[in-house]
Amino acid sequence: MKLIAERDRCIGAGLCTLHAPSVFDQEDDGLVILLTESPSGPAADDARKVVEHLCPSKAIRMSDG
């Protein structure tokens, strides 16, 4: 899994950082930043949950690459 964060779509809700803090953080402007593009183990499961269910603006997506 590879994560892609589209900061121009991010609304700064912070659900990503709340549910997967080892994968996501927020800049001072509140927009998402990736701490890792390819999480593994439980962090990957948390990131997948964020992508599939929690990010309200769909600013984070997954790719197979």
PDB file of N, CA and C in Angstrom:
ATOM      1  N   MET A   1       0.847  -1.181   0.000  1.00  0.00           N
ATOM      2  CA  MET A   1       0.000   0.000   0.000  1.00  0.00           C
ATOM      3  C   MET A   1       0.889   1.240   0.000  1.00  0.00           C
ATOM      4  N   LYS A   2       0.508   2.203  -0.809  1.00  0.00           N
ATOM      5  CA  LYS A   2       1.155   3.513  -0.807  1.00  0.00           C
ATOM      6  C   LYS A   2       0.065   4.566  -0.617  1.00  0.00           C
ATOM      7  N   LEU A   3       0.298   5.490   0.287  1.00  0.00           N
ATOM      8  CA  LEU A   3      -0.660   6.549   0.564  1.00  0.00           C
ATOM      9  C   LEU A   3      -0.310   7.807  -0.208  1.00  0.00           C
ATOM     10  N   ILE A   4      -1.343   8.517  -0.599  1.00  0.00           N
ATOM     11  CA  ILE A   4      -1.196   9.785  -1.299  1.00  0.00           C
ATOM     12  C   ILE A   4      -2.106  10.787  -0.598  1.00  0.00           C
ATOM     13  N   ALA A   5      -1.535  11.908  -0.168  1.00  0.00           N
ATOM     14  CA  ALA A   5      -2.311  12.957   0.486  1.00  0.00           C
ATOM     15  C   ALA A   5      -2.464  14.130  -0.469  1.00  0.00           C
ATOM     16  N   GLU A   6      -3.684  14.506  -0.725  1.00  0.00           N
ATOM     17  CA  GLU A   6      -3.985  15.644  -1.586  1.00  0.00           C
ATOM     18  C   GLU A   6      -4.317  16.843  -0.693  1.00  0.00           C
ATOM     19  N   ARG A   7      -3.283  17.606  -0.380  1.00  0.00           N
ATOM     20  CA  ARG A   7      -3.439  18.723   0.555  1.00  0.00           C
ATOM     21  C   ARG A   7      -4.426  19.768   0.055  1.00  0.00           C
ATOM     22  N   ASP A   8      -4.584  19.896  -1.255  1.00  0.00           N
ATOM     23  CA  ASP A   8      -5.537  20.879  -1.774  1.00  0.00           C
ATOM     24  C   ASP A   8      -6.989  20.464  -1.518  1.00  0.00           C
ATOM     25  N   ARG A   9      -7.218  19.200  -1.191  1.00  0.00           N
ATOM     26  CA  ARG A   9      -8.573  18.725  -0.856  1.00  0.00           C
ATOM     27  C   ARG A   9      -8.810  18.694   0.647  1.00  0.00           C
ATOM     28  N   CYS A  10      -7.740  18.704   1.423  1.00  0.00           N
ATOM     29  CA  CYS A  10      -7.828  18.564   2.876  1.00  0.00           C
ATOM     30  C   CYS A  10      -8.561  19.763   3.482  1.00  0.00           C
ATOM     31  N   ILE A  11      -9.450  19.472   4.452  1.00  0.00           N
ATOM     32  CA  ILE A  11     -10.167  20.547   5.148  1.00  0.00           C
ATOM     33  C   ILE A  11      -9.695  20.688   6.598  1.00  0.00           C
ATOM     34  N   GLY A  12      -8.690  19.916   6.990  1.00  0.00           N
ATOM     35  CA  GLY A  12      -8.120  20.047   8.326  1.00  0.00           C
ATOM     36  C   GLY A  12      -8.963  19.490   9.444  1.00  0.00           C
ATOM     37  N   ALA A  13      -9.801  18.508   9.169  1.00  0.00           N
ATOM     38  CA  ALA A  13     -10.666  17.934  10.201  1.00  0.00           C
ATOM     39  C   ALA A  13      -9.870  17.198  11.282  1.00  0.00           C
ATOM     40  N   GLY A  14      -8.732  16.638  10.933  1.00  0.00           N
ATOM     41  CA  GLY A  14      -7.861  15.993  11.905  1.00  0.00           C
ATOM     42  C   GLY A  14      -8.195  14.561  12.256  1.00  0.00           C
ATOM     43  N   LEU A  15      -9.180  13.977  11.599  1.00  0.00           N
ATOM     44  CA  LEU A  15      -9.535  12.591  11.922  1.00  0.00           C
ATOM     45  C   LEU A  15      -8.412  11.621  11.579  1.00  0.00           C
ATOM     46  N   CYS A  16      -7.633  11.955  10.571  1.00  0.00           N
ATOM     47  CA  CYS A  16      -6.511  11.090  10.196  1.00  0.00           C
ATOM     48  C   CYS A  16      -5.480  11.033  11.326  1.00  0.00           C
ATOM     49  N   THR A  17      -5.148  12.183  11.885  1.00  0.00           N
ATOM     50  CA  THR A  17      -4.148  12.220  12.951  1.00  0.00           C
ATOM     51  C   THR A  17      -4.671  11.600  14.243  1.00  0.00           C
ATOM     52  N   LEU A  18      -5.947  11.713  14.460  1.00  0.00           N
ATOM     53  CA  LEU A  18      -6.557  11.127  15.653  1.00  0.00           C
ATOM     54  C   LEU A  18      -6.541   9.599  15.599  1.00  0.00           C
ATOM     55  N   HIS A  19      -6.834   9.037  14.429  1.00  0.00           N
ATOM     56  CA  HIS A  19      -6.979   7.584  14.302  1.00  0.00           C
ATOM     57  C   HIS A  19      -5.732   6.863  13.811  1.00  0.00           C
ATOM     58  N   ALA A  20      -4.778   7.584  13.231  1.00  0.00           N
ATOM     59  CA  ALA A  20      -3.539   6.959  12.761  1.00  0.00           C
ATOM     60  C   ALA A  20      -2.368   7.933  12.967  1.00  0.00           C
ATOM     61  N   PRO A  21      -2.043   8.238  14.222  1.00  0.00           N
ATOM     62  CA  PRO A  21      -1.019   9.252  14.498  1.00  0.00           C
ATOM     63  C   PRO A  21       0.397   8.853  14.086  1.00  0.00           C
ATOM     64  N   SER A  22       0.639   7.581  13.869  1.00  0.00           N
ATOM     65  CA  SER A  22       1.972   7.168  13.403  1.00  0.00           C
ATOM     66  C   SER A  22       2.113   7.325  11.890  1.00  0.00           C
ATOM     67  N   VAL A  23       1.005   7.607  11.210  1.00  0.00           N
ATOM     68  CA  VAL A  23       1.005   7.725   9.755  1.00  0.00           C
ATOM     69  C   VAL A  23       0.774   9.169   9.308  1.00  0.00           C
ATOM     70  N   PHE A  24      -0.092   9.889  10.017  1.00  0.00           N
ATOM     71  CA  PHE A  24      -0.497  11.233   9.608  1.00  0.00           C
ATOM     72  C   PHE A  24      -0.180  12.269  10.683  1.00  0.00           C
ATOM     73  N   ASP A  25       0.062  13.481  10.233  1.00  0.00           N
ATOM     74  CA  ASP A  25       0.192  14.623  11.119  1.00  0.00           C
ATOM     75  C   ASP A  25      -0.417  15.817  10.391  1.00  0.00           C
ATOM     76  N   GLN A  26      -0.428  16.957  11.056  1.00  0.00           N
ATOM     77  CA  GLN A  26      -0.956  18.173  10.445  1.00  0.00           C
ATOM     78  C   GLN A  26       0.081  19.279  10.543  1.00  0.00           C
ATOM     79  N   GLU A  27       0.200  20.061   9.484  1.00  0.00           N
ATOM     80  CA  GLU A  27       1.062  21.242   9.483  1.00  0.00           C
ATOM     81  C   GLU A  27       0.398  22.324  10.335  1.00  0.00           C
ATOM     82  N   ASP A  28       1.082  23.421  10.531  1.00  0.00           N
ATOM     83  CA  ASP A  28       0.523  24.531  11.310  1.00  0.00           C
ATOM     84  C   ASP A  28      -0.774  25.061  10.714  1.00  0.00           C
ATOM     85  N   ASP A  29      -0.939  24.908   9.393  1.00  0.00           N
ATOM     86  CA  ASP A  29      -2.170  25.362   8.740  1.00  0.00           C
ATOM     87  C   ASP A  29      -3.317  24.356   8.875  1.00  0.00           C
ATOM     88  N   GLY A  30      -3.053  23.215   9.544  1.00  0.00           N
ATOM     89  CA  GLY A  30      -4.081  22.207   9.778  1.00  0.00           C
ATOM     90  C   GLY A  30      -4.187  21.155   8.698  1.00  0.00           C
ATOM     91  N   LEU A  31      -3.431  21.299   7.620  1.00  0.00           N
ATOM     92  CA  LEU A  31      -3.536  20.354   6.505  1.00  0.00           C
ATOM     93  C   LEU A  31      -2.669  19.126   6.743  1.00  0.00           C
ATOM     94  N   VAL A  32      -3.120  18.018   6.207  1.00  0.00           N
ATOM     95  CA  VAL A  32      -2.488  16.728   6.409  1.00  0.00           C
ATOM     96  C   VAL A  32      -1.081  16.670   5.817  1.00  0.00           C
ATOM     97  N   ILE A  33      -0.216  15.946   6.527  1.00  0.00           N
ATOM     98  CA  ILE A  33       1.073  15.537   5.986  1.00  0.00           C
ATOM     99  C   ILE A  33       1.262  14.063   6.308  1.00  0.00           C
ATOM    100  N   LEU A  34       1.945  13.364   5.443  1.00  0.00           N
ATOM    101  CA  LEU A  34       2.228  11.950   5.657  1.00  0.00           C
ATOM    102  C   LEU A  34       3.537  11.802   6.417  1.00  0.00           C
ATOM    103  N   LEU A  35       3.514  10.997   7.456  1.00  0.00           N
ATOM    104  CA  LEU A  35       4.740  10.657   8.168  1.00  0.00           C
ATOM    105  C   LEU A  35       5.412   9.464   7.509  1.00  0.00           C
ATOM    106  N   THR A  36       4.608   8.635   6.857  1.00  0.00           N
ATOM    107  CA  THR A  36       5.109   7.514   6.080  1.00  0.00           C
ATOM    108  C   THR A  36       4.153   7.263   4.921  1.00  0.00           C
ATOM    109  N   GLU A  37       4.682   6.995   3.760  1.00  0.00           N
ATOM    110  CA  GLU A  37       3.835   6.708   2.599  1.00  0.00           C
ATOM    111  C   GLU A  37       3.421   5.247   2.531  1.00  0.00           C
ATOM    112  N   SER A  38       4.185   4.382   3.198  1.00  0.00           N
ATOM    113  CA  SER A  38       3.926   2.940   3.109  1.00  0.00           C
ATOM    114  C   SER A  38       3.903   2.312   4.494  1.00  0.00           C
ATOM    115  N   PRO A  39       2.840   2.540   5.253  1.00  0.00           N
ATOM    116  CA  PRO A  39       2.768   1.944   6.585  1.00  0.00           C
ATOM    117  C   PRO A  39       2.596   0.430   6.503  1.00  0.00           C
ATOM    118  N   SER A  40       2.955  -0.235   7.592  1.00  0.00           N
ATOM    119  CA  SER A  40       2.786  -1.683   7.655  1.00  0.00           C
ATOM    120  C   SER A  40       2.164  -2.065   8.993  1.00  0.00           C
ATOM    121  N   GLY A  41       1.734  -3.300   9.077  1.00  0.00           N
ATOM    122  CA  GLY A  41       1.155  -3.809  10.316  1.00  0.00           C
ATOM    123  C   GLY A  41      -0.087  -3.051  10.739  1.00  0.00           C
ATOM    124  N   PRO A  42      -0.243  -2.849  12.043  1.00  0.00           N
ATOM    125  CA  PRO A  42      -1.420  -2.145  12.552  1.00  0.00           C
ATOM    126  C   PRO A  42      -1.562  -0.724  12.006  1.00  0.00           C
ATOM    127  N   ALA A  43      -0.446  -0.044  11.731  1.00  0.00           N
ATOM    128  CA  ALA A  43      -0.511   1.306  11.175  1.00  0.00           C
ATOM    129  C   ALA A  43      -1.167   1.295   9.799  1.00  0.00           C
ATOM    130  N   ALA A  44      -0.916   0.263   9.019  1.00  0.00           N
ATOM    131  CA  ALA A  44      -1.547   0.145   7.702  1.00  0.00           C
ATOM    132  C   ALA A  44      -3.050  -0.059   7.848  1.00  0.00           C
ATOM    133  N   ASP A  45      -3.440  -0.847   8.830  1.00  0.00           N
ATOM    134  CA  ASP A  45      -4.873  -1.057   9.078  1.00  0.00           C
ATOM    135  C   ASP A  45      -5.550   0.247   9.493  1.00  0.00           C
ATOM    136  N   ASP A  46      -4.882   1.010  10.348  1.00  0.00           N
ATOM    137  CA  ASP A  46      -5.432   2.298  10.783  1.00  0.00           C
ATOM    138  C   ASP A  46      -5.548   3.261   9.605  1.00  0.00           C
ATOM    139  N   ALA A  47      -4.521   3.299   8.766  1.00  0.00           N
ATOM    140  CA  ALA A  47      -4.531   4.192   7.597  1.00  0.00           C
ATOM    141  C   ALA A  47      -5.644   3.806   6.632  1.00  0.00           C
ATOM    142  N   ARG A  48      -5.823   2.522   6.427  1.00  0.00           N
ATOM    143  CA  ARG A  48      -6.886   2.051   5.526  1.00  0.00           C
ATOM    144  C   ARG A  48      -8.254   2.485   6.041  1.00  0.00           C
ATOM    145  N   LYS A  49      -8.461   2.413   7.344  1.00  0.00           N
ATOM    146  CA  LYS A  49      -9.730   2.844   7.943  1.00  0.00           C
ATOM    147  C   LYS A  49      -9.962   4.341   7.706  1.00  0.00           C
ATOM    148  N   VAL A  50      -8.894   5.131   7.848  1.00  0.00           N
ATOM    149  CA  VAL A  50      -8.996   6.566   7.594  1.00  0.00           C
ATOM    150  C   VAL A  50      -9.402   6.816   6.147  1.00  0.00           C
ATOM    151  N   VAL A  51      -8.707   6.159   5.225  1.00  0.00           N
ATOM    152  CA  VAL A  51      -8.972   6.358   3.795  1.00  0.00           C
ATOM    153  C   VAL A  51     -10.391   5.931   3.425  1.00  0.00           C
ATOM    154  N   GLU A  52     -10.795   4.771   3.889  1.00  0.00           N
ATOM    155  CA  GLU A  52     -12.077   4.204   3.462  1.00  0.00           C
ATOM    156  C   GLU A  52     -13.287   4.793   4.177  1.00  0.00           C
ATOM    157  N   HIS A  53     -13.105   5.280   5.421  1.00  0.00           N
ATOM    158  CA  HIS A  53     -14.294   5.648   6.197  1.00  0.00           C
ATOM    159  C   HIS A  53     -14.248   7.001   6.905  1.00  0.00           C
ATOM    160  N   LEU A  54     -13.076   7.511   7.220  1.00  0.00           N
ATOM    161  CA  LEU A  54     -13.031   8.636   8.152  1.00  0.00           C
ATOM    162  C   LEU A  54     -12.708  10.000   7.563  1.00  0.00           C
ATOM    163  N   CYS A  55     -11.931  10.061   6.510  1.00  0.00           N
ATOM    164  CA  CYS A  55     -11.550  11.378   5.970  1.00  0.00           C
ATOM    165  C   CYS A  55     -12.757  12.002   5.265  1.00  0.00           C
ATOM    166  N   PRO A  56     -13.284  13.104   5.812  1.00  0.00           N
ATOM    167  CA  PRO A  56     -14.507  13.678   5.241  1.00  0.00           C
ATOM    168  C   PRO A  56     -14.322  14.296   3.849  1.00  0.00           C
ATOM    169  N   SER A  57     -13.104  14.720   3.533  1.00  0.00           N
ATOM    170  CA  SER A  57     -12.885  15.351   2.229  1.00  0.00           C
ATOM    171  C   SER A  57     -12.265  14.404   1.198  1.00  0.00           C
ATOM    172  N   LYS A  58     -12.021  13.167   1.620  1.00  0.00           N
ATOM    173  CA  LYS A  58     -11.391  12.163   0.738  1.00  0.00           C
ATOM    174  C   LYS A  58     -10.059  12.673   0.198  1.00  0.00           C
ATOM    175  N   ALA A  59      -9.294  13.353   1.065  1.00  0.00           N
ATOM    176  CA  ALA A  59      -8.011  13.930   0.691  1.00  0.00           C
ATOM    177  C   ALA A  59      -6.879  12.911   0.700  1.00  0.00           C
ATOM    178  N   ILE A  60      -7.146  11.733   1.249  1.00  0.00           N
ATOM    179  CA  ILE A  60      -6.125  10.693   1.328  1.00  0.00           C
ATOM    180  C   ILE A  60      -6.627   9.492   0.549  1.00  0.00           C
ATOM    181  N   ARG A  61      -5.733   8.963  -0.277  1.00  0.00           N
ATOM    182  CA  ARG A  61      -6.107   7.767  -1.028  1.00  0.00           C
ATOM    183  C   ARG A  61      -4.970   6.767  -1.020  1.00  0.00           C
ATOM    184  N   MET A  62      -5.273   5.548  -1.432  1.00  0.00           N
ATOM    185  CA  MET A  62      -4.299   4.467  -1.474  1.00  0.00           C
ATOM    186  C   MET A  62      -4.048   4.053  -2.909  1.00  0.00           C
ATOM    187  N   SER A  63      -2.842   3.612  -3.157  1.00  0.00           N
ATOM    188  CA  SER A  63      -2.534   2.987  -4.436  1.00  0.00           C
ATOM    189  C   SER A  63      -1.783   1.700  -4.158  1.00  0.00           C
ATOM    190  N   ASP A  64      -1.726   0.835  -5.136  1.00  0.00           N
ATOM    191  CA  ASP A  64      -1.045  -0.446  -4.951  1.00  0.00           C
ATOM    192  C   ASP A  64       0.471  -0.326  -5.099  1.00  0.00           C
ATOM    193  N   GLY A  65       0.947   0.797  -5.639  1.00  0.00           N
ATOM    194  CA  GLY A  65       2.375   0.964  -5.919  1.00  0.00           C
ATOM    195  C   GLY A  65       3.132   1.371  -4.781  1.00  0.00           C
TER     196      GLY A  65
END
